[in-house]
Amino acid sequence: MISAEELRRYPYFVGGEGKCLLQIALMAREATVAAGESLFVEGDKAEHLYVVTAGEMDISLALGSGKSVVVDTSVAGDLVGWSAVSAP
């Protein structure tokens, strides 16, 4: 879990209501991910919201051919894993 106060450091959460930020903080998770390592893959259960605090993270999509293509790149301050905070 990341504290609600820590979340306030990022533009998405500035001015957020305490109760709402606490609920988001409970879903958030701190992790260090090495280059080339996957944070999550398609089909994983969406349980955590991630804030990229440093570096960059490629978002890839697996094609039917088995090839993987980068569809977006998240940078410091971006949120990743929105599925954890929205209904399926």
N, C-alpha and C. Protein backbone atom coordinates (compact mmCIF):
# COMPACT_ATOMS: atom_id res chain seq x y z
N MET A 1 0.84 -1.18 0.00
CA MET A 1 0.00 0.00 0.00
C MET A 1 0.88 1.25 0.00
N ILE A 2 0.41 2.27 -0.67
CA ILE A 2 1.06 3.57 -0.67
C ILE A 2 0.16 4.50 0.14
N SER A 3 0.72 5.38 0.90
CA SER A 3 -0.11 6.28 1.72
C SER A 3 -0.86 7.27 0.84
N ALA A 4 -2.01 7.71 1.33
CA ALA A 4 -2.80 8.71 0.62
C ALA A 4 -1.99 9.99 0.45
N GLU A 5 -1.18 10.33 1.43
CA GLU A 5 -0.34 11.54 1.33
C GLU A 5 0.69 11.41 0.21
N GLU A 6 1.23 10.22 0.04
CA GLU A 6 2.18 10.00 -1.06
C GLU A 6 1.49 10.18 -2.40
N LEU A 7 0.24 9.71 -2.51
CA LEU A 7 -0.50 9.86 -3.76
C LEU A 7 -0.70 11.32 -4.12
N ARG A 8 -0.86 12.17 -3.13
CA ARG A 8 -1.09 13.61 -3.38
C ARG A 8 0.09 14.27 -4.10
N ARG A 9 1.24 13.62 -4.16
CA ARG A 9 2.40 14.16 -4.87
C ARG A 9 2.21 14.13 -6.39
N TYR A 10 1.23 13.36 -6.86
CA TYR A 10 1.03 13.18 -8.29
C TYR A 10 -0.20 13.94 -8.75
N PRO A 11 -0.13 14.56 -9.94
CA PRO A 11 -1.20 15.43 -10.44
C PRO A 11 -2.59 14.79 -10.43
N TYR A 12 -2.69 13.49 -10.68
CA TYR A 12 -3.99 12.83 -10.73
C TYR A 12 -4.73 12.91 -9.41
N PHE A 13 -4.00 13.06 -8.32
CA PHE A 13 -4.61 12.96 -6.99
C PHE A 13 -4.64 14.26 -6.21
N VAL A 14 -4.08 15.32 -6.76
CA VAL A 14 -4.09 16.61 -6.07
C VAL A 14 -5.54 17.04 -5.85
N GLY A 15 -5.87 17.41 -4.63
CA GLY A 15 -7.23 17.84 -4.32
C GLY A 15 -8.21 16.70 -4.12
N GLY A 16 -7.71 15.46 -4.15
CA GLY A 16 -8.59 14.31 -3.97
C GLY A 16 -9.11 14.23 -2.55
N GLU A 17 -10.33 13.75 -2.42
CA GLU A 17 -10.95 13.58 -1.11
C GLU A 17 -10.25 12.47 -0.33
N GLY A 18 -10.05 12.69 0.96
CA GLY A 18 -9.31 11.76 1.81
C GLY A 18 -9.81 10.33 1.74
N LYS A 19 -11.12 10.13 1.83
CA LYS A 19 -11.69 8.78 1.84
C LYS A 19 -11.44 8.09 0.50
N CYS A 20 -11.60 8.82 -0.58
CA CYS A 20 -11.36 8.27 -1.92
C CYS A 20 -9.89 7.92 -2.10
N LEU A 21 -9.00 8.83 -1.67
CA LEU A 21 -7.56 8.56 -1.79
C LEU A 21 -7.16 7.35 -0.97
N LEU A 22 -7.76 7.18 0.19
CA LEU A 22 -7.45 6.02 1.03
C LEU A 22 -7.85 4.73 0.31
N GLN A 23 -9.01 4.72 -0.33
CA GLN A 23 -9.44 3.53 -1.07
C GLN A 23 -8.47 3.22 -2.21
N ILE A 24 -8.02 4.25 -2.91
CA ILE A 24 -7.06 4.04 -4.00
C ILE A 24 -5.73 3.57 -3.43
N ALA A 25 -5.30 4.16 -2.32
CA ALA A 25 -4.03 3.77 -1.69
C ALA A 25 -4.05 2.30 -1.29
N LEU A 26 -5.18 1.79 -0.87
CA LEU A 26 -5.29 0.39 -0.49
C LEU A 26 -5.09 -0.54 -1.69
N MET A 27 -5.40 -0.05 -2.90
CA MET A 27 -5.22 -0.86 -4.10
C MET A 27 -3.84 -0.68 -4.70
N ALA A 28 -3.16 0.39 -4.33
CA ALA A 28 -1.85 0.70 -4.90
C ALA A 28 -0.78 -0.20 -4.28
N ARG A 29 0.27 -0.41 -5.03
CA ARG A 29 1.34 -1.29 -4.58
C ARG A 29 2.66 -0.74 -5.06
N GLU A 30 3.64 -0.74 -4.18
CA GLU A 30 4.98 -0.31 -4.56
C GLU A 30 5.76 -1.50 -5.08
N ALA A 31 6.44 -1.30 -6.19
CA ALA A 31 7.24 -2.38 -6.76
C ALA A 31 8.40 -1.79 -7.56
N THR A 32 9.50 -2.48 -7.55
CA THR A 32 10.63 -2.12 -8.40
C THR A 32 10.67 -3.17 -9.50
N VAL A 33 10.70 -2.70 -10.73
CA VAL A 33 10.67 -3.61 -11.86
C VAL A 33 11.92 -3.37 -12.71
N ALA A 34 12.69 -4.41 -12.89
CA ALA A 34 13.91 -4.31 -13.70
C ALA A 34 13.57 -4.24 -15.18
N ALA A 35 14.47 -3.66 -15.96
CA ALA A 35 14.30 -3.59 -17.41
C ALA A 35 14.06 -4.99 -17.96
N GLY A 36 13.05 -5.13 -18.81
CA GLY A 36 12.73 -6.41 -19.41
C GLY A 36 11.79 -7.27 -18.59
N GLU A 37 11.56 -6.91 -17.34
CA GLU A 37 10.67 -7.67 -16.46
C GLU A 37 9.24 -7.18 -16.65
N SER A 38 8.26 -8.08 -16.51
CA SER A 38 6.85 -7.72 -16.63
C SER A 38 6.25 -7.45 -15.26
N LEU A 39 5.50 -6.37 -15.17
CA LEU A 39 4.79 -6.05 -13.94
C LEU A 39 3.52 -6.88 -13.85
N PHE A 40 2.84 -7.01 -14.98
CA PHE A 40 1.68 -7.88 -15.10
C PHE A 40 1.51 -8.21 -16.58
N VAL A 41 0.72 -9.24 -16.86
CA VAL A 41 0.48 -9.63 -18.25
C VAL A 41 -1.02 -9.74 -18.50
N GLU A 42 -1.38 -9.69 -19.76
CA GLU A 42 -2.78 -9.82 -20.14
C GLU A 42 -3.38 -11.04 -19.47
N GLY A 43 -4.58 -10.86 -18.92
CA GLY A 43 -5.27 -11.98 -18.28
C GLY A 43 -5.07 -12.05 -16.78
N ASP A 44 -4.04 -11.37 -16.24
CA ASP A 44 -3.86 -11.33 -14.78
C ASP A 44 -5.04 -10.62 -14.14
N LYS A 45 -5.37 -10.99 -12.93
CA LYS A 45 -6.42 -10.31 -12.18
C LYS A 45 -5.93 -8.89 -11.85
N ALA A 46 -6.77 -7.91 -12.14
CA ALA A 46 -6.41 -6.50 -11.91
C ALA A 46 -6.68 -6.14 -10.46
N GLU A 47 -5.64 -6.21 -9.64
CA GLU A 47 -5.79 -5.94 -8.22
C GLU A 47 -5.08 -4.68 -7.75
N HIS A 48 -4.16 -4.14 -8.55
CA HIS A 48 -3.34 -3.02 -8.09
C HIS A 48 -3.30 -1.90 -9.11
N LEU A 49 -3.24 -0.70 -8.60
CA LEU A 49 -3.01 0.49 -9.40
C LEU A 49 -1.56 0.89 -9.16
N TYR A 50 -0.84 1.18 -10.22
CA TYR A 50 0.57 1.53 -10.09
C TYR A 50 0.79 2.97 -10.52
N VAL A 51 1.67 3.67 -9.83
CA VAL A 51 2.12 5.00 -10.22
C VAL A 51 3.58 4.84 -10.62
N VAL A 52 3.90 5.22 -11.84
CA VAL A 52 5.29 5.17 -12.28
C VAL A 52 6.00 6.35 -11.61
N THR A 53 6.96 6.06 -10.76
CA THR A 53 7.64 7.12 -10.01
C THR A 53 8.98 7.50 -10.63
N ALA A 54 9.56 6.62 -11.43
CA ALA A 54 10.84 6.91 -12.09
C ALA A 54 10.96 6.01 -13.31
N GLY A 55 11.66 6.49 -14.31
CA GLY A 55 11.89 5.68 -15.50
C GLY A 55 10.70 5.65 -16.43
N GLU A 56 10.68 4.64 -17.28
CA GLU A 56 9.63 4.46 -18.27
C GLU A 56 9.17 3.02 -18.26
N MET A 57 7.92 2.80 -18.67
CA MET A 57 7.36 1.46 -18.72
C MET A 57 6.60 1.30 -20.03
N ASP A 58 6.99 0.31 -20.84
CA ASP A 58 6.27 0.04 -22.08
C ASP A 58 5.03 -0.79 -21.78
N ILE A 59 3.94 -0.44 -22.45
CA ILE A 59 2.70 -1.22 -22.38
C ILE A 59 2.63 -1.98 -23.69
N SER A 60 2.65 -3.30 -23.61
CA SER A 60 2.67 -4.14 -24.80
C SER A 60 1.39 -4.94 -24.93
N LEU A 61 1.05 -5.28 -26.14
CA LEU A 61 -0.13 -6.08 -26.44
C LEU A 61 0.31 -7.27 -27.27
N ALA A 62 -0.16 -8.45 -26.89
CA ALA A 62 0.17 -9.66 -27.64
C ALA A 62 -0.77 -9.79 -28.83
N LEU A 63 -0.21 -9.95 -30.01
CA LEU A 63 -1.00 -10.14 -31.22
C LEU A 63 -1.34 -11.61 -31.38
N GLY A 64 -2.30 -11.91 -32.22
CA GLY A 64 -2.70 -13.29 -32.48
C GLY A 64 -1.56 -14.15 -33.00
N SER A 65 -0.58 -13.51 -33.64
CA SER A 65 0.57 -14.24 -34.19
C SER A 65 1.56 -14.64 -33.10
N GLY A 66 1.33 -14.13 -31.86
CA GLY A 66 2.27 -14.40 -30.78
C GLY A 66 3.29 -13.30 -30.61
N LYS A 67 3.36 -12.40 -31.59
CA LYS A 67 4.29 -11.27 -31.50
C LYS A 67 3.71 -10.23 -30.55
N SER A 68 4.59 -9.56 -29.83
CA SER A 68 4.18 -8.53 -28.88
C SER A 68 4.60 -7.17 -29.43
N VAL A 69 3.68 -6.19 -29.36
CA VAL A 69 3.98 -4.85 -29.84
C VAL A 69 3.75 -3.83 -28.73
N VAL A 70 4.59 -2.81 -28.68
CA VAL A 70 4.44 -1.73 -27.70
C VAL A 70 3.34 -0.80 -28.21
N VAL A 71 2.31 -0.57 -27.38
CA VAL A 71 1.20 0.30 -27.78
C VAL A 71 1.23 1.63 -27.03
N ASP A 72 2.02 1.71 -25.97
CA ASP A 72 2.12 2.96 -25.21
C ASP A 72 3.36 2.87 -24.32
N THR A 73 3.83 4.01 -23.88
CA THR A 73 4.92 4.07 -22.92
C THR A 73 4.51 5.01 -21.80
N SER A 74 4.55 4.52 -20.57
CA SER A 74 4.23 5.33 -19.40
C SER A 74 5.52 5.87 -18.82
N VAL A 75 5.46 7.10 -18.33
CA VAL A 75 6.63 7.77 -17.75
C VAL A 75 6.30 8.19 -16.32
N ALA A 76 7.31 8.70 -15.62
CA ALA A 76 7.14 9.12 -14.23
C ALA A 76 5.91 10.01 -14.08
N GLY A 77 5.07 9.67 -13.12
CA GLY A 77 3.84 10.41 -12.86
C GLY A 77 2.61 9.78 -13.48
N ASP A 78 2.79 8.85 -14.43
CA ASP A 78 1.66 8.18 -15.07
C ASP A 78 1.10 7.07 -14.17
N LEU A 79 -0.16 6.76 -14.41
CA LEU A 79 -0.82 5.65 -13.70
C LEU A 79 -0.92 4.46 -14.64
N VAL A 80 -0.72 3.27 -14.08
CA VAL A 80 -0.81 2.02 -14.85
C VAL A 80 -1.66 1.06 -14.04
N GLY A 81 -2.55 0.34 -14.71
CA GLY A 81 -3.38 -0.64 -14.02
C GLY A 81 -4.75 -0.09 -13.65
N TRP A 82 -5.29 0.79 -14.49
CA TRP A 82 -6.59 1.39 -14.21
C TRP A 82 -7.69 0.36 -14.02
N SER A 83 -7.54 -0.81 -14.57
CA SER A 83 -8.59 -1.84 -14.43
C SER A 83 -8.87 -2.15 -12.97
N ALA A 84 -7.93 -1.92 -12.10
CA ALA A 84 -8.11 -2.21 -10.67
C ALA A 84 -9.11 -1.26 -10.03
N VAL A 85 -9.33 -0.09 -10.61
CA VAL A 85 -10.22 0.89 -10.00
C VAL A 85 -11.50 1.11 -10.80
N SER A 86 -11.71 0.32 -11.84
CA SER A 86 -12.94 0.44 -12.63
C SER A 86 -13.62 -0.92 -12.70
N ALA A 87 -14.91 -0.89 -12.88
CA ALA A 87 -15.68 -2.13 -12.94
C ALA A 87 -15.26 -2.93 -14.18
N PRO A 88 -15.32 -4.26 -14.08
CA PRO A 88 -14.95 -5.11 -15.23
C PRO A 88 -15.85 -4.82 -16.43
